[in-house]
């Protein structure tokens, strides 16, 4: 199989994986609903950096070691489940806005004769720092053991062992960039003023749903250790 064929297969498989609803999507939705576009975009870069982590240990063989060592793999699953539960707890506790007029401000654009919506978060909302937003994305992806299995399978099945290191690294770099682009796109989409208008009103429900999704994923990780 040529390198071009390998790349297109990897790109297709990665696209299907990254577009599937999971913890990465849940955290971007949560950040977009609760905070703002900047926070969601920074979290997206954190997720992409998590991809580079998976790529790095897959390239040096540590990923295969993790997947083959039952005790180490189980420990990572419990750590990931604990972190998912932590994020889920905050999502499930999302409260309904007490005063919608405090969160939504309608201004008219006199030059174009159109109206746009500007949003201001409640004064008591504690926005995460750049570091915290980045680490949230990095940990949600880096601790995801399903991603570990995905990349181990990708680098051991689709990519031929004789493929040069630089070619393998370029595949991994592409997946990190593509992941960042996808979640940045979602961040912009979810914080578009029309979408944001709906999310400001009903986003707390989606926040709770995504919290429930992360809780289910955590339970699945724990139960998978019992079989």
N, C-alpha and C. Protein backbone atom coordinates (compact mmCIF):
# COMPACT_ATOMS: atom_id res chain seq x y z
N UNK A 1 0.84 -1.19 0.00
CA UNK A 1 0.00 0.00 0.00
C UNK A 1 0.89 1.25 0.00
N UNK A 2 0.61 2.17 -0.92
CA UNK A 2 1.41 3.39 -1.01
C UNK A 2 1.10 4.32 0.16
N UNK A 3 1.98 5.31 0.37
CA UNK A 3 1.78 6.25 1.44
C UNK A 3 0.52 7.10 1.23
N UNK A 4 0.23 7.40 -0.04
CA UNK A 4 -0.98 8.18 -0.35
C UNK A 4 -2.23 7.38 0.03
N UNK A 5 -2.23 6.10 -0.30
CA UNK A 5 -3.37 5.24 0.06
C UNK A 5 -3.50 5.14 1.58
N UNK A 6 -2.36 4.97 2.27
CA UNK A 6 -2.40 4.94 3.72
C UNK A 6 -3.01 6.23 4.28
N UNK A 7 -2.57 7.36 3.72
CA UNK A 7 -3.05 8.65 4.22
C UNK A 7 -4.56 8.79 4.07
N UNK A 8 -5.09 8.43 2.90
CA UNK A 8 -6.53 8.60 2.67
C UNK A 8 -7.34 7.67 3.57
N UNK A 9 -6.84 6.47 3.81
CA UNK A 9 -7.54 5.56 4.73
C UNK A 9 -7.51 6.13 6.15
N UNK A 10 -6.35 6.62 6.56
CA UNK A 10 -6.22 7.22 7.89
C UNK A 10 -7.12 8.44 8.03
N UNK A 11 -7.13 9.28 7.00
CA UNK A 11 -7.96 10.49 7.03
C UNK A 11 -9.44 10.14 7.15
N UNK A 12 -9.88 9.12 6.43
CA UNK A 12 -11.28 8.71 6.47
C UNK A 12 -11.64 8.13 7.84
N UNK A 13 -10.80 7.23 8.33
CA UNK A 13 -11.06 6.61 9.63
C UNK A 13 -11.05 7.66 10.73
N UNK A 14 -10.10 8.57 10.66
CA UNK A 14 -10.01 9.62 11.67
C UNK A 14 -11.21 10.55 11.61
N UNK A 15 -11.67 10.89 10.41
CA UNK A 15 -12.84 11.74 10.26
C UNK A 15 -14.07 11.11 10.92
N UNK A 16 -14.27 9.82 10.68
CA UNK A 16 -15.41 9.13 11.28
C UNK A 16 -15.28 9.10 12.80
N UNK A 17 -14.06 8.94 13.29
CA UNK A 17 -13.84 8.87 14.74
C UNK A 17 -14.05 10.22 15.40
N UNK A 18 -13.48 11.27 14.81
CA UNK A 18 -13.53 12.58 15.45
C UNK A 18 -14.92 13.20 15.37
N UNK A 19 -15.70 12.82 14.33
CA UNK A 19 -17.04 13.38 14.17
C UNK A 19 -18.08 12.63 15.00
N UNK A 20 -17.70 11.49 15.55
CA UNK A 20 -18.64 10.72 16.37
C UNK A 20 -18.80 11.39 17.73
N UNK A 21 -20.03 11.47 18.24
CA UNK A 21 -20.24 12.07 19.57
C UNK A 21 -19.48 11.30 20.64
N UNK A 22 -18.81 12.01 21.49
CA UNK A 22 -18.03 11.39 22.56
C UNK A 22 -17.62 12.43 23.57
N UNK A 23 -16.66 12.11 24.42
CA UNK A 23 -16.26 13.06 25.46
C UNK A 23 -15.69 14.37 24.91
N UNK A 24 -14.98 14.32 23.76
CA UNK A 24 -14.44 15.55 23.18
C UNK A 24 -15.56 16.50 22.76
N UNK A 25 -16.56 15.94 22.08
CA UNK A 25 -17.71 16.76 21.67
C UNK A 25 -18.45 17.29 22.88
N UNK A 26 -18.61 16.45 23.88
CA UNK A 26 -19.35 16.85 25.08
C UNK A 26 -18.68 18.02 25.77
N UNK A 27 -17.35 18.00 25.86
CA UNK A 27 -16.66 19.08 26.57
C UNK A 27 -16.69 20.38 25.77
N UNK A 28 -16.62 20.29 24.43
CA UNK A 28 -16.70 21.50 23.61
C UNK A 28 -18.10 22.11 23.71
N UNK A 29 -19.12 21.27 23.70
CA UNK A 29 -20.49 21.76 23.86
C UNK A 29 -20.65 22.44 25.22
N UNK A 30 -20.10 21.82 26.24
CA UNK A 30 -20.18 22.38 27.59
C UNK A 30 -19.47 23.73 27.68
N UNK A 31 -18.27 23.81 27.13
CA UNK A 31 -17.51 25.06 27.18
C UNK A 31 -18.20 26.17 26.40
N UNK A 32 -18.82 25.79 25.27
CA UNK A 32 -19.52 26.78 24.45
C UNK A 32 -20.77 27.30 25.14
N UNK A 33 -21.48 26.40 25.82
CA UNK A 33 -22.72 26.78 26.50
C UNK A 33 -22.41 27.62 27.74
N UNK A 34 -21.51 27.14 28.55
CA UNK A 34 -21.27 27.76 29.85
C UNK A 34 -20.39 29.00 29.77
N UNK A 35 -19.43 29.01 28.83
CA UNK A 35 -18.49 30.11 28.78
C UNK A 35 -18.62 30.88 27.46
N UNK A 36 -17.60 30.80 26.61
CA UNK A 36 -17.64 31.58 25.38
C UNK A 36 -16.79 30.91 24.30
N UNK A 37 -16.72 31.58 23.16
CA UNK A 37 -15.98 31.03 22.01
C UNK A 37 -14.50 30.86 22.32
N UNK A 38 -13.92 31.84 22.97
CA UNK A 38 -12.49 31.78 23.28
C UNK A 38 -12.16 30.55 24.13
N UNK A 39 -12.96 30.30 25.14
CA UNK A 39 -12.73 29.14 26.01
C UNK A 39 -12.86 27.85 25.23
N UNK A 40 -13.88 27.77 24.37
CA UNK A 40 -14.09 26.56 23.58
C UNK A 40 -12.95 26.32 22.59
N UNK A 41 -12.45 27.39 21.97
CA UNK A 41 -11.36 27.27 21.01
C UNK A 41 -10.08 26.81 21.71
N UNK A 42 -9.79 27.38 22.87
CA UNK A 42 -8.60 26.97 23.61
C UNK A 42 -8.71 25.50 24.02
N UNK A 43 -9.90 25.10 24.43
CA UNK A 43 -10.15 23.69 24.79
C UNK A 43 -9.94 22.80 23.57
N UNK A 44 -10.30 23.29 22.39
CA UNK A 44 -10.09 22.53 21.15
C UNK A 44 -8.61 22.28 20.90
N UNK A 45 -7.77 23.28 21.17
CA UNK A 45 -6.33 23.09 21.03
C UNK A 45 -5.82 22.08 22.05
N UNK A 46 -6.41 22.07 23.23
CA UNK A 46 -6.05 21.07 24.23
C UNK A 46 -6.37 19.66 23.75
N UNK A 47 -7.52 19.50 23.13
CA UNK A 47 -7.92 18.19 22.59
C UNK A 47 -6.93 17.75 21.51
N UNK A 48 -6.56 18.68 20.63
CA UNK A 48 -5.60 18.36 19.56
C UNK A 48 -4.25 17.96 20.15
N UNK A 49 -3.84 18.60 21.24
CA UNK A 49 -2.59 18.23 21.89
C UNK A 49 -2.67 16.83 22.48
N UNK A 50 -3.86 16.45 22.94
CA UNK A 50 -4.07 15.09 23.41
C UNK A 50 -3.85 14.08 22.30
N UNK A 51 -4.24 14.45 21.08
CA UNK A 51 -4.00 13.59 19.92
C UNK A 51 -2.49 13.39 19.72
N UNK A 52 -1.73 14.46 19.86
CA UNK A 52 -0.28 14.35 19.72
C UNK A 52 0.33 13.43 20.78
N UNK A 53 -0.27 13.44 21.97
CA UNK A 53 0.19 12.52 23.02
C UNK A 53 -0.01 11.08 22.60
N UNK A 54 -1.21 10.77 22.09
CA UNK A 54 -1.49 9.40 21.63
C UNK A 54 -0.56 9.00 20.49
N UNK A 55 -0.35 9.95 19.57
CA UNK A 55 0.53 9.68 18.43
C UNK A 55 1.96 9.40 18.91
N UNK A 56 2.42 10.19 19.87
CA UNK A 56 3.80 10.06 20.36
C UNK A 56 4.06 8.69 20.97
N UNK A 57 3.16 8.25 21.88
CA UNK A 57 3.44 6.95 22.50
C UNK A 57 3.14 5.79 21.57
N UNK A 58 2.33 6.03 20.53
CA UNK A 58 2.12 4.98 19.53
C UNK A 58 3.36 4.81 18.68
N UNK A 59 4.03 5.92 18.39
CA UNK A 59 5.23 5.88 17.56
C UNK A 59 6.38 5.17 18.28
N UNK A 60 6.48 5.34 19.58
CA UNK A 60 7.60 4.73 20.32
C UNK A 60 7.24 3.39 20.94
N UNK A 61 5.99 2.95 20.73
CA UNK A 61 5.60 1.63 21.20
C UNK A 61 5.00 1.59 22.59
N UNK A 62 4.91 2.74 23.27
CA UNK A 62 4.34 2.75 24.62
C UNK A 62 2.85 2.44 24.58
N UNK A 63 2.17 2.88 23.53
CA UNK A 63 0.74 2.62 23.40
C UNK A 63 0.44 1.13 23.38
N UNK A 64 1.27 0.38 22.66
CA UNK A 64 1.10 -1.07 22.61
C UNK A 64 1.34 -1.69 23.98
N UNK A 65 2.30 -1.13 24.72
CA UNK A 65 2.57 -1.61 26.08
C UNK A 65 1.39 -1.36 27.00
N UNK A 66 0.79 -0.17 26.88
CA UNK A 66 -0.37 0.16 27.70
C UNK A 66 -1.52 -0.78 27.40
N UNK A 67 -1.76 -1.02 26.10
CA UNK A 67 -2.87 -1.88 25.69
C UNK A 67 -2.65 -3.33 26.11
N UNK A 68 -1.40 -3.77 26.21
CA UNK A 68 -1.12 -5.17 26.52
C UNK A 68 -0.94 -5.42 28.02
N UNK A 69 -0.67 -4.38 28.79
CA UNK A 69 -0.50 -4.51 30.25
C UNK A 69 -1.85 -4.29 30.92
N UNK A 70 -2.47 -5.36 31.39
CA UNK A 70 -3.83 -5.28 31.92
C UNK A 70 -3.92 -4.35 33.13
N UNK A 71 -2.96 -4.42 34.03
CA UNK A 71 -3.01 -3.60 35.24
C UNK A 71 -2.86 -2.11 34.92
N UNK A 72 -1.92 -1.79 34.04
CA UNK A 72 -1.72 -0.40 33.65
C UNK A 72 -2.93 0.14 32.89
N UNK A 73 -3.45 -0.69 31.99
CA UNK A 73 -4.61 -0.27 31.21
C UNK A 73 -5.82 -0.05 32.11
N UNK A 74 -6.02 -0.93 33.10
CA UNK A 74 -7.13 -0.80 34.04
C UNK A 74 -6.99 0.46 34.88
N UNK A 75 -5.77 0.74 35.33
CA UNK A 75 -5.53 1.94 36.12
C UNK A 75 -5.87 3.19 35.34
N UNK A 76 -5.48 3.23 34.07
CA UNK A 76 -5.79 4.37 33.22
C UNK A 76 -7.30 4.51 33.00
N UNK A 77 -7.99 3.37 32.90
CA UNK A 77 -9.43 3.43 32.72
C UNK A 77 -10.12 4.05 33.93
N UNK A 78 -9.66 3.69 35.11
CA UNK A 78 -10.27 4.24 36.32
C UNK A 78 -9.95 5.73 36.48
N UNK A 79 -8.75 6.13 36.11
CA UNK A 79 -8.40 7.54 36.15
C UNK A 79 -9.28 8.33 35.18
N UNK A 80 -9.44 7.80 33.96
CA UNK A 80 -10.28 8.46 32.97
C UNK A 80 -11.73 8.52 33.43
N UNK A 81 -12.24 7.43 34.00
CA UNK A 81 -13.62 7.39 34.49
C UNK A 81 -13.82 8.42 35.59
N UNK A 82 -12.84 8.56 36.48
CA UNK A 82 -12.93 9.55 37.54
C UNK A 82 -12.98 10.96 37.00
N UNK A 83 -12.16 11.25 35.98
CA UNK A 83 -12.16 12.59 35.41
C UNK A 83 -13.46 12.86 34.66
N UNK A 84 -13.97 11.86 33.94
CA UNK A 84 -15.25 12.01 33.25
C UNK A 84 -16.36 12.32 34.26
N UNK A 85 -16.34 11.63 35.40
CA UNK A 85 -17.35 11.86 36.44
C UNK A 85 -17.26 13.27 37.00
N UNK A 86 -16.04 13.76 37.14
CA UNK A 86 -15.83 15.12 37.66
C UNK A 86 -16.47 16.14 36.71
N UNK A 87 -16.19 15.99 35.41
CA UNK A 87 -16.77 16.91 34.42
C UNK A 87 -18.29 16.72 34.37
N UNK A 88 -18.75 15.46 34.42
CA UNK A 88 -20.18 15.17 34.35
C UNK A 88 -20.93 15.81 35.51
N UNK A 89 -20.34 15.79 36.70
CA UNK A 89 -20.99 16.35 37.88
C UNK A 89 -21.31 17.83 37.69
N UNK A 90 -20.37 18.56 37.11
CA UNK A 90 -20.60 19.99 36.86
C UNK A 90 -21.68 20.19 35.79
N UNK A 91 -21.70 19.31 34.79
CA UNK A 91 -22.72 19.42 33.76
C UNK A 91 -24.11 19.12 34.29
N UNK A 92 -24.24 18.08 35.10
CA UNK A 92 -25.54 17.69 35.65
C UNK A 92 -26.09 18.74 36.61
N UNK A 93 -25.22 19.56 37.17
CA UNK A 93 -25.65 20.59 38.11
C UNK A 93 -25.94 21.92 37.43
N UNK A 94 -25.90 21.95 36.07
CA UNK A 94 -26.16 23.19 35.34
C UNK A 94 -27.54 23.73 35.70
N UNK A 95 -27.60 24.99 36.06
CA UNK A 95 -28.85 25.59 36.52
C UNK A 95 -29.51 26.41 35.41
N UNK A 96 -30.81 26.48 35.46
CA UNK A 96 -31.57 27.30 34.53
C UNK A 96 -31.31 28.76 34.82
N UNK A 97 -31.12 29.59 33.77
CA UNK A 97 -30.91 31.02 34.01
C UNK A 97 -32.06 31.62 34.81
N UNK A 98 -31.72 32.37 35.83
CA UNK A 98 -32.75 32.96 36.68
C UNK A 98 -33.35 34.22 36.08
N UNK A 99 -32.56 34.91 35.28
CA UNK A 99 -33.04 36.13 34.66
C UNK A 99 -32.47 36.22 33.26
N UNK A 100 -33.26 35.80 32.27
CA UNK A 100 -32.77 35.73 30.90
C UNK A 100 -32.35 37.10 30.36
N UNK A 101 -33.01 38.17 30.86
CA UNK A 101 -32.68 39.50 30.36
C UNK A 101 -31.28 39.93 30.77
N UNK A 102 -30.71 39.28 31.82
CA UNK A 102 -29.37 39.61 32.23
C UNK A 102 -28.33 39.00 31.30
N UNK A 103 -28.72 37.93 30.59
CA UNK A 103 -27.76 37.22 29.75
C UNK A 103 -27.83 37.60 28.28
N UNK A 104 -28.92 38.24 27.85
CA UNK A 104 -29.13 38.51 26.43
C UNK A 104 -29.35 40.01 26.21
N UNK A 105 -28.62 40.58 25.30
CA UNK A 105 -28.74 41.99 24.99
C UNK A 105 -28.92 42.11 23.49
N UNK A 106 -30.00 42.75 23.05
CA UNK A 106 -30.28 42.91 21.63
C UNK A 106 -29.92 44.31 21.20
N UNK A 107 -29.05 44.40 20.19
CA UNK A 107 -28.64 45.69 19.66
C UNK A 107 -28.99 45.74 18.18
N UNK A 108 -29.33 46.91 17.66
CA UNK A 108 -29.63 47.03 16.24
C UNK A 108 -28.44 47.63 15.52
N UNK A 109 -28.17 47.08 14.36
CA UNK A 109 -27.10 47.58 13.52
C UNK A 109 -27.71 48.61 12.58
N UNK A 110 -27.47 49.87 12.81
CA UNK A 110 -28.13 50.92 12.04
C UNK A 110 -27.62 51.00 10.61
N UNK A 111 -26.37 50.59 10.39
CA UNK A 111 -25.82 50.69 9.04
C UNK A 111 -26.42 49.66 8.10
N UNK A 112 -26.65 48.46 8.58
CA UNK A 112 -27.16 47.40 7.73
C UNK A 112 -28.65 47.15 7.95
N UNK A 113 -29.21 47.81 8.94
CA UNK A 113 -30.62 47.64 9.19
C UNK A 113 -30.96 46.26 9.71
N UNK A 114 -29.98 45.60 10.32
CA UNK A 114 -30.21 44.27 10.86
C UNK A 114 -30.02 44.28 12.36
N UNK A 115 -30.47 43.20 12.99
CA UNK A 115 -30.28 43.07 14.41
C UNK A 115 -29.30 41.95 14.70
N UNK A 116 -28.49 42.15 15.70
CA UNK A 116 -27.57 41.11 16.13
C UNK A 116 -27.72 40.93 17.62
N UNK A 117 -27.28 39.80 18.09
CA UNK A 117 -27.41 39.46 19.49
C UNK A 117 -26.04 39.43 20.14
N UNK A 118 -25.90 40.11 21.23
CA UNK A 118 -24.68 40.09 22.01
C UNK A 118 -25.00 39.50 23.36
N UNK A 119 -24.09 38.75 23.88
CA UNK A 119 -24.33 38.04 25.12
C UNK A 119 -23.32 38.47 26.17
N UNK A 120 -23.80 38.58 27.37
CA UNK A 120 -22.90 38.82 28.50
C UNK A 120 -23.20 37.79 29.55
N UNK A 121 -22.17 37.13 30.03
CA UNK A 121 -22.35 36.09 31.03
C UNK A 121 -22.69 36.74 32.37
N UNK A 122 -23.31 35.98 33.27
CA UNK A 122 -23.59 36.50 34.59
C UNK A 122 -22.30 36.97 35.26
N UNK A 123 -22.44 38.01 36.06
CA UNK A 123 -21.25 38.61 36.69
C UNK A 123 -20.50 37.65 37.59
N UNK A 124 -21.24 36.67 38.15
CA UNK A 124 -20.59 35.77 39.10
C UNK A 124 -19.97 34.54 38.44
N UNK A 125 -19.98 34.50 37.09
CA UNK A 125 -19.42 33.34 36.39
C UNK A 125 -17.90 33.43 36.39
N UNK A 126 -17.27 32.39 36.85
CA UNK A 126 -15.81 32.33 36.95
C UNK A 126 -15.26 31.68 35.69
N UNK A 127 -14.75 32.50 34.77
CA UNK A 127 -14.22 31.98 33.52
C UNK A 127 -12.89 31.26 33.77
N UNK A 128 -12.69 30.11 33.14
CA UNK A 128 -11.42 29.40 33.33
C UNK A 128 -10.28 30.15 32.66
N UNK A 129 -9.10 30.02 33.23
CA UNK A 129 -7.92 30.62 32.62
C UNK A 129 -7.58 29.88 31.33
N UNK A 130 -6.69 30.46 30.54
CA UNK A 130 -6.23 29.81 29.31
C UNK A 130 -5.63 28.45 29.62
N UNK A 131 -4.83 28.39 30.68
CA UNK A 131 -4.19 27.14 31.06
C UNK A 131 -5.21 26.08 31.45
N UNK A 132 -6.20 26.48 32.24
CA UNK A 132 -7.21 25.53 32.68
C UNK A 132 -8.06 25.03 31.52
N UNK A 133 -8.46 25.93 30.61
CA UNK A 133 -9.25 25.53 29.46
C UNK A 133 -8.47 24.55 28.58
N UNK A 134 -7.18 24.85 28.39
CA UNK A 134 -6.33 23.98 27.57
C UNK A 134 -6.18 22.61 28.23
N UNK A 135 -5.91 22.58 29.52
CA UNK A 135 -5.72 21.32 30.24
C UNK A 135 -7.01 20.50 30.25
N UNK A 136 -8.14 21.16 30.30
CA UNK A 136 -9.42 20.44 30.26
C UNK A 136 -9.54 19.63 28.98
N UNK A 137 -9.24 20.27 27.85
CA UNK A 137 -9.29 19.57 26.57
C UNK A 137 -8.23 18.49 26.47
N UNK A 138 -7.02 18.81 26.94
CA UNK A 138 -5.91 17.86 26.88
C UNK A 138 -6.21 16.60 27.70
N UNK A 139 -6.73 16.77 28.90
CA UNK A 139 -6.99 15.63 29.77
C UNK A 139 -8.18 14.81 29.29
N UNK A 140 -9.20 15.48 28.77
CA UNK A 140 -10.40 14.76 28.34
C UNK A 140 -10.07 13.83 27.18
N UNK A 141 -9.09 14.23 26.35
CA UNK A 141 -8.67 13.39 25.24
C UNK A 141 -7.52 12.48 25.63
N UNK A 142 -6.53 13.03 26.33
CA UNK A 142 -5.34 12.26 26.68
C UNK A 142 -5.63 11.08 27.59
N UNK A 143 -6.66 11.21 28.45
CA UNK A 143 -7.00 10.13 29.37
C UNK A 143 -8.02 9.15 28.78
N UNK A 144 -8.49 9.42 27.59
CA UNK A 144 -9.49 8.57 26.96
C UNK A 144 -8.85 7.28 26.45
N UNK A 145 -9.07 6.18 27.14
CA UNK A 145 -8.42 4.92 26.77
C UNK A 145 -8.96 4.37 25.46
N UNK A 146 -10.17 4.78 25.08
CA UNK A 146 -10.67 4.36 23.78
C UNK A 146 -9.84 4.99 22.67
N UNK A 147 -9.39 6.21 22.90
CA UNK A 147 -8.49 6.85 21.93
C UNK A 147 -7.15 6.12 21.90
N UNK A 148 -6.73 5.64 23.07
CA UNK A 148 -5.49 4.85 23.12
C UNK A 148 -5.59 3.63 22.22
N UNK A 149 -6.68 2.89 22.35
CA UNK A 149 -6.88 1.70 21.53
C UNK A 149 -7.00 2.06 20.05
N UNK A 150 -7.65 3.19 19.77
CA UNK A 150 -7.82 3.63 18.39
C UNK A 150 -6.47 3.86 17.72
N UNK A 151 -5.59 4.59 18.39
CA UNK A 151 -4.30 4.92 17.78
C UNK A 151 -3.35 3.73 17.75
N UNK A 152 -3.43 2.88 18.76
CA UNK A 152 -2.62 1.66 18.72
C UNK A 152 -3.03 0.80 17.53
N UNK A 153 -4.34 0.66 17.32
CA UNK A 153 -4.84 -0.12 16.19
C UNK A 153 -4.45 0.52 14.87
N UNK A 154 -4.56 1.85 14.82
CA UNK A 154 -4.25 2.58 13.59
C UNK A 154 -2.78 2.39 13.19
N UNK A 155 -1.89 2.52 14.16
CA UNK A 155 -0.46 2.46 13.86
C UNK A 155 0.06 1.03 13.72
N UNK A 156 -0.73 0.06 14.15
CA UNK A 156 -0.27 -1.33 14.03
C UNK A 156 -0.96 -2.10 12.91
N UNK A 157 -2.11 -1.62 12.46
CA UNK A 157 -2.87 -2.34 11.43
C UNK A 157 -2.82 -1.64 10.08
N UNK A 158 -3.16 -0.36 10.05
CA UNK A 158 -3.24 0.37 8.78
C UNK A 158 -1.87 0.82 8.30
N UNK A 159 -1.06 1.33 9.24
CA UNK A 159 0.26 1.84 8.86
C UNK A 159 1.27 0.70 8.89
N UNK A 160 1.93 0.48 7.78
CA UNK A 160 2.89 -0.62 7.67
C UNK A 160 4.10 -0.36 8.58
N UNK A 161 4.64 -1.42 9.18
CA UNK A 161 5.80 -1.26 10.09
C UNK A 161 7.00 -0.62 9.42
N UNK A 162 7.16 -0.87 8.13
CA UNK A 162 8.34 -0.33 7.43
C UNK A 162 8.15 1.14 7.02
N UNK A 163 7.00 1.72 7.29
CA UNK A 163 6.78 3.12 6.96
C UNK A 163 7.77 4.00 7.74
N UNK A 164 8.47 4.90 7.08
CA UNK A 164 9.46 5.75 7.77
C UNK A 164 8.83 6.55 8.91
N UNK A 165 9.64 6.83 9.91
CA UNK A 165 9.18 7.54 11.10
C UNK A 165 8.58 8.90 10.75
N UNK A 166 9.23 9.63 9.85
CA UNK A 166 8.74 10.96 9.49
C UNK A 166 7.37 10.90 8.82
N UNK A 167 7.14 9.85 8.03
CA UNK A 167 5.84 9.68 7.39
C UNK A 167 4.78 9.40 8.46
N UNK A 168 5.12 8.52 9.40
CA UNK A 168 4.18 8.23 10.49
C UNK A 168 3.87 9.49 11.30
N UNK A 169 4.92 10.25 11.57
CA UNK A 169 4.73 11.48 12.34
C UNK A 169 3.85 12.47 11.58
N UNK A 170 4.03 12.54 10.26
CA UNK A 170 3.21 13.45 9.46
C UNK A 170 1.75 13.04 9.50
N UNK A 171 1.48 11.73 9.51
CA UNK A 171 0.10 11.25 9.67
C UNK A 171 -0.47 11.75 11.00
N UNK A 172 0.32 11.57 12.06
CA UNK A 172 -0.13 12.00 13.38
C UNK A 172 -0.35 13.50 13.47
N UNK A 173 0.56 14.27 12.86
CA UNK A 173 0.43 15.72 12.86
C UNK A 173 -0.82 16.14 12.11
N UNK A 174 -1.09 15.46 10.99
CA UNK A 174 -2.33 15.76 10.26
C UNK A 174 -3.56 15.53 11.13
N UNK A 175 -3.59 14.41 11.85
CA UNK A 175 -4.75 14.09 12.68
C UNK A 175 -4.94 15.11 13.80
N UNK A 176 -3.82 15.60 14.35
CA UNK A 176 -3.91 16.63 15.39
C UNK A 176 -4.46 17.94 14.81
N UNK A 177 -3.97 18.33 13.63
CA UNK A 177 -4.43 19.56 12.99
C UNK A 177 -5.89 19.43 12.59
N UNK A 178 -6.25 18.27 12.01
CA UNK A 178 -7.64 18.04 11.60
C UNK A 178 -8.58 18.05 12.80
N UNK A 179 -8.13 17.48 13.91
CA UNK A 179 -8.94 17.47 15.13
C UNK A 179 -9.15 18.90 15.63
N UNK A 180 -8.08 19.68 15.66
CA UNK A 180 -8.19 21.07 16.10
C UNK A 180 -9.15 21.84 15.20
N UNK A 181 -9.03 21.66 13.87
CA UNK A 181 -9.88 22.36 12.93
C UNK A 181 -11.35 21.99 13.13
N UNK A 182 -11.61 20.69 13.35
CA UNK A 182 -13.00 20.24 13.54
C UNK A 182 -13.62 20.86 14.78
N UNK A 183 -12.92 20.83 15.89
CA UNK A 183 -13.50 21.32 17.13
C UNK A 183 -13.52 22.85 17.20
N UNK A 184 -12.58 23.51 16.51
CA UNK A 184 -12.65 24.97 16.41
C UNK A 184 -13.87 25.36 15.58
N UNK A 185 -14.13 24.60 14.50
CA UNK A 185 -15.34 24.83 13.70
C UNK A 185 -16.59 24.67 14.56
N UNK A 186 -16.62 23.60 15.37
CA UNK A 186 -17.77 23.41 16.26
C UNK A 186 -17.89 24.55 17.26
N UNK A 187 -16.74 25.02 17.76
CA UNK A 187 -16.75 26.13 18.72
C UNK A 187 -17.36 27.38 18.10
N UNK A 188 -16.99 27.67 16.86
CA UNK A 188 -17.56 28.84 16.18
C UNK A 188 -19.03 28.63 15.88
N UNK A 189 -19.39 27.42 15.47
CA UNK A 189 -20.79 27.13 15.16
C UNK A 189 -21.67 27.26 16.40
N UNK A 190 -21.23 26.66 17.49
CA UNK A 190 -22.03 26.65 18.72
C UNK A 190 -22.10 28.02 19.39
N UNK A 191 -21.14 28.91 19.06
CA UNK A 191 -21.17 30.24 19.66
C UNK A 191 -21.63 31.31 18.66
N UNK A 192 -22.09 30.88 17.48
CA UNK A 192 -22.72 31.82 16.55
C UNK A 192 -23.94 32.43 17.22
N UNK A 193 -24.20 33.70 16.99
CA UNK A 193 -25.21 34.39 17.80
C UNK A 193 -26.60 33.76 17.71
N UNK A 194 -26.95 33.19 16.55
CA UNK A 194 -28.27 32.56 16.45
C UNK A 194 -28.32 31.27 17.26
N UNK A 195 -27.26 30.46 17.13
CA UNK A 195 -27.19 29.22 17.92
C UNK A 195 -27.05 29.57 19.39
N UNK A 196 -26.24 30.61 19.65
CA UNK A 196 -25.99 31.04 21.03
C UNK A 196 -27.28 31.52 21.70
N UNK A 197 -28.14 32.14 20.92
CA UNK A 197 -29.42 32.60 21.46
C UNK A 197 -30.21 31.43 22.05
N UNK A 198 -30.27 30.35 21.27
CA UNK A 198 -30.98 29.15 21.76
C UNK A 198 -30.26 28.54 22.95
N UNK A 199 -28.94 28.45 22.86
CA UNK A 199 -28.18 27.83 23.93
C UNK A 199 -28.24 28.63 25.22
N UNK A 200 -28.32 29.97 25.09
CA UNK A 200 -28.44 30.79 26.29
C UNK A 200 -29.73 30.47 27.04
N UNK A 201 -30.78 30.12 26.27
CA UNK A 201 -32.08 29.86 26.89
C UNK A 201 -32.22 28.41 27.34
N UNK A 202 -31.77 27.49 26.50
CA UNK A 202 -31.98 26.07 26.78
C UNK A 202 -30.68 25.29 26.93
N UNK A 203 -29.58 25.99 26.91
CA UNK A 203 -28.29 25.30 26.97
C UNK A 203 -28.07 24.51 28.23
N UNK A 204 -28.69 24.95 29.32
CA UNK A 204 -28.51 24.22 30.58
C UNK A 204 -29.02 22.79 30.46
N UNK A 205 -30.05 22.59 29.60
CA UNK A 205 -30.57 21.23 29.38
C UNK A 205 -29.54 20.39 28.63
N UNK A 206 -28.92 20.99 27.59
CA UNK A 206 -27.89 20.27 26.85
C UNK A 206 -26.68 20.01 27.72
N UNK A 207 -26.38 20.97 28.60
CA UNK A 207 -25.27 20.79 29.53
C UNK A 207 -25.51 19.58 30.42
N UNK A 208 -26.75 19.43 30.88
CA UNK A 208 -27.10 18.28 31.70
C UNK A 208 -27.04 16.98 30.90
N UNK A 209 -27.50 17.05 29.64
CA UNK A 209 -27.47 15.86 28.78
C UNK A 209 -26.02 15.41 28.55
N UNK A 210 -25.14 16.39 28.23
CA UNK A 210 -23.74 16.05 28.00
C UNK A 210 -23.08 15.54 29.29
N UNK A 211 -23.52 16.07 30.42
CA UNK A 211 -23.04 15.54 31.69
C UNK A 211 -23.46 14.09 31.86
N UNK A 212 -24.70 13.80 31.47
CA UNK A 212 -25.18 12.42 31.53
C UNK A 212 -24.42 11.51 30.59
N UNK A 213 -24.07 12.03 29.39
CA UNK A 213 -23.30 11.24 28.42
C UNK A 213 -21.93 10.89 28.99
N UNK A 214 -21.27 11.88 29.59
CA UNK A 214 -19.95 11.62 30.18
C UNK A 214 -20.05 10.64 31.34
N UNK A 215 -21.13 10.72 32.11
CA UNK A 215 -21.32 9.79 33.22
C UNK A 215 -21.51 8.37 32.70
N UNK A 216 -22.28 8.22 31.62
CA UNK A 216 -22.48 6.90 31.01
C UNK A 216 -21.16 6.35 30.47
N UNK A 217 -20.36 7.22 29.84
CA UNK A 217 -19.06 6.79 29.33
C UNK A 217 -18.16 6.34 30.46
N UNK A 218 -18.23 7.04 31.59
CA UNK A 218 -17.42 6.65 32.75
C UNK A 218 -17.86 5.29 33.28
N UNK A 219 -19.17 5.07 33.36
CA UNK A 219 -19.70 3.79 33.84
C UNK A 219 -19.30 2.65 32.90
N UNK A 220 -19.35 2.94 31.59
CA UNK A 220 -18.96 1.93 30.60
C UNK A 220 -17.50 1.54 30.77
N UNK A 221 -16.65 2.54 31.04
CA UNK A 221 -15.23 2.25 31.24
C UNK A 221 -15.01 1.35 32.45
N UNK A 222 -15.74 1.64 33.53
CA UNK A 222 -15.59 0.83 34.75
C UNK A 222 -16.13 -0.58 34.54
N UNK A 223 -17.32 -0.68 33.93
CA UNK A 223 -17.94 -2.00 33.74
C UNK A 223 -17.14 -2.84 32.76
N UNK A 224 -16.48 -2.21 31.79
CA UNK A 224 -15.70 -2.99 30.83
C UNK A 224 -14.54 -3.69 31.50
N UNK A 225 -14.16 -3.23 32.67
CA UNK A 225 -13.06 -3.83 33.41
C UNK A 225 -13.52 -5.10 34.14
N UNK A 226 -14.84 -5.29 34.22
CA UNK A 226 -15.38 -6.42 34.96
C UNK A 226 -15.65 -7.64 34.11
N UNK A 227 -15.44 -7.50 32.80
CA UNK A 227 -15.73 -8.62 31.88
C UNK A 227 -14.45 -9.24 31.37
